[in-house]
Protein backbone atom coordinates (compact mmCIF):
# COMPACT_ATOMS: atom_id res chain seq x y z
CA MET A 1 -25.99 -56.42 42.57
CA PRO A 2 -22.24 -55.89 42.97
CA ASN A 3 -20.50 -56.74 46.23
CA ILE A 4 -17.27 -54.82 45.77
CA LYS A 5 -17.32 -51.17 46.86
CA SER A 6 -15.79 -49.84 43.63
CA ALA A 7 -18.30 -51.80 41.56
CA LYS A 8 -21.17 -50.37 43.61
CA LYS A 9 -19.85 -46.88 42.95
CA ARG A 10 -19.56 -47.57 39.21
CA VAL A 11 -23.24 -48.58 39.13
CA LEU A 12 -24.23 -45.29 40.77
CA VAL A 13 -21.97 -43.23 38.52
CA ALA A 14 -23.25 -45.02 35.42
CA LYS A 15 -26.87 -44.26 36.39
CA LYS A 16 -26.02 -40.60 36.96
CA LYS A 17 -24.19 -40.24 33.63
CA ALA A 18 -26.99 -42.07 31.78
CA LEU A 19 -29.49 -39.57 33.15
CA GLN A 20 -27.29 -36.63 32.14
CA ASN A 21 -26.85 -38.08 28.64
CA LYS A 22 -30.61 -38.62 28.37
CA VAL A 23 -31.21 -34.93 29.11
CA VAL A 24 -28.72 -33.87 26.44
CA LYS A 25 -30.16 -36.28 23.86
CA SER A 26 -33.69 -35.14 24.55
CA ASN A 27 -32.71 -31.47 24.22
CA LEU A 28 -30.84 -32.26 21.00
CA LYS A 29 -33.88 -33.98 19.49
CA THR A 30 -36.09 -31.03 20.43
CA VAL A 31 -33.72 -28.53 18.82
CA LEU A 32 -33.46 -30.64 15.66
CA LYS A 33 -37.26 -30.87 15.40
CA LYS A 34 -37.57 -27.09 15.84
CA ALA A 35 -34.97 -26.51 13.12
CA ASP A 36 -36.76 -28.89 10.74
CA ALA A 37 -40.08 -27.19 11.46
CA ALA A 38 -38.59 -23.74 10.87
CA VAL A 39 -37.13 -24.81 7.53
CA ALA A 40 -40.36 -26.54 6.49
CA ALA A 41 -42.37 -23.44 7.34
CA LYS A 42 -39.80 -21.27 5.52
CA ALA A 43 -39.63 -19.07 8.60
CA ALA A 44 -37.42 -15.99 8.61
CA ASP A 45 -35.43 -17.33 11.55
CA SER A 46 -34.76 -20.76 10.01
CA ALA A 47 -31.05 -19.96 9.57
CA ASP A 48 -30.80 -19.12 13.26
CA ALA A 49 -32.61 -22.35 14.19
CA ILE A 50 -30.18 -24.32 12.02
CA LYS A 51 -27.22 -22.54 13.64
CA VAL A 52 -28.47 -23.47 17.13
CA ALA A 53 -29.08 -27.06 16.05
CA ILE A 54 -25.58 -27.39 14.60
CA LYS A 55 -24.10 -26.06 17.82
CA LYS A 56 -26.05 -28.63 19.88
CA VAL A 57 -24.96 -31.43 17.54
CA ASP A 58 -21.33 -30.38 17.93
CA GLN A 59 -21.68 -30.29 21.72
CA ALA A 60 -23.20 -33.77 21.75
CA ALA A 61 -20.37 -35.09 19.58
CA ALA A 62 -17.78 -33.45 21.85
CA LYS A 63 -19.31 -35.21 24.87
CA ASN A 64 -19.28 -38.56 23.01
CA ILE A 65 -23.07 -38.73 23.25
CA MET A 66 -23.20 -38.88 19.47
CA HIS A 67 -20.55 -40.34 17.16
CA LYS A 68 -18.62 -37.70 15.23
CA ASN A 69 -19.68 -39.16 11.87
CA THR A 70 -23.33 -39.12 12.92
CA ALA A 71 -22.90 -35.49 13.93
CA ALA A 72 -21.38 -34.67 10.55
CA HIS A 73 -24.24 -36.48 8.79
CA LYS A 74 -26.88 -34.56 10.75
CA LYS A 75 -25.18 -31.20 10.14
CA SER A 76 -24.91 -31.93 6.44
CA ALA A 77 -28.59 -32.88 6.25
CA LEU A 78 -29.57 -29.66 8.04
CA MET A 79 -27.54 -27.55 5.65
CA LYS A 80 -29.04 -29.35 2.63
CA LYS A 81 -32.55 -28.68 3.94
CA LEU A 82 -31.73 -25.01 4.46
CA ALA A 83 -30.24 -24.69 0.97
CA ALA A 84 -33.23 -26.41 -0.61
CA ALA A 85 -35.68 -24.17 1.27
CA SER A 86 -33.86 -20.99 0.23
CA LYS A 87 -34.19 -21.76 -3.49
């Protein structure tokens, strides 16, 4: 446990940010699973689900929760799945 006041504050802030990041990551995973399910089921709203998922991936990358290259990889994979399902 830290003794210095600023170090104590950093511990509290780090816990708070970790919790916020966990919420965002969890929501992102849920949206990605829903998009995959919509594409797999060839649902009519699969394009909308992909659009929402891409937006969430971009938001996560903007908040540095996900690396920008990982975000690009996930978006590319989503678009490939959508294109393959529309054939």
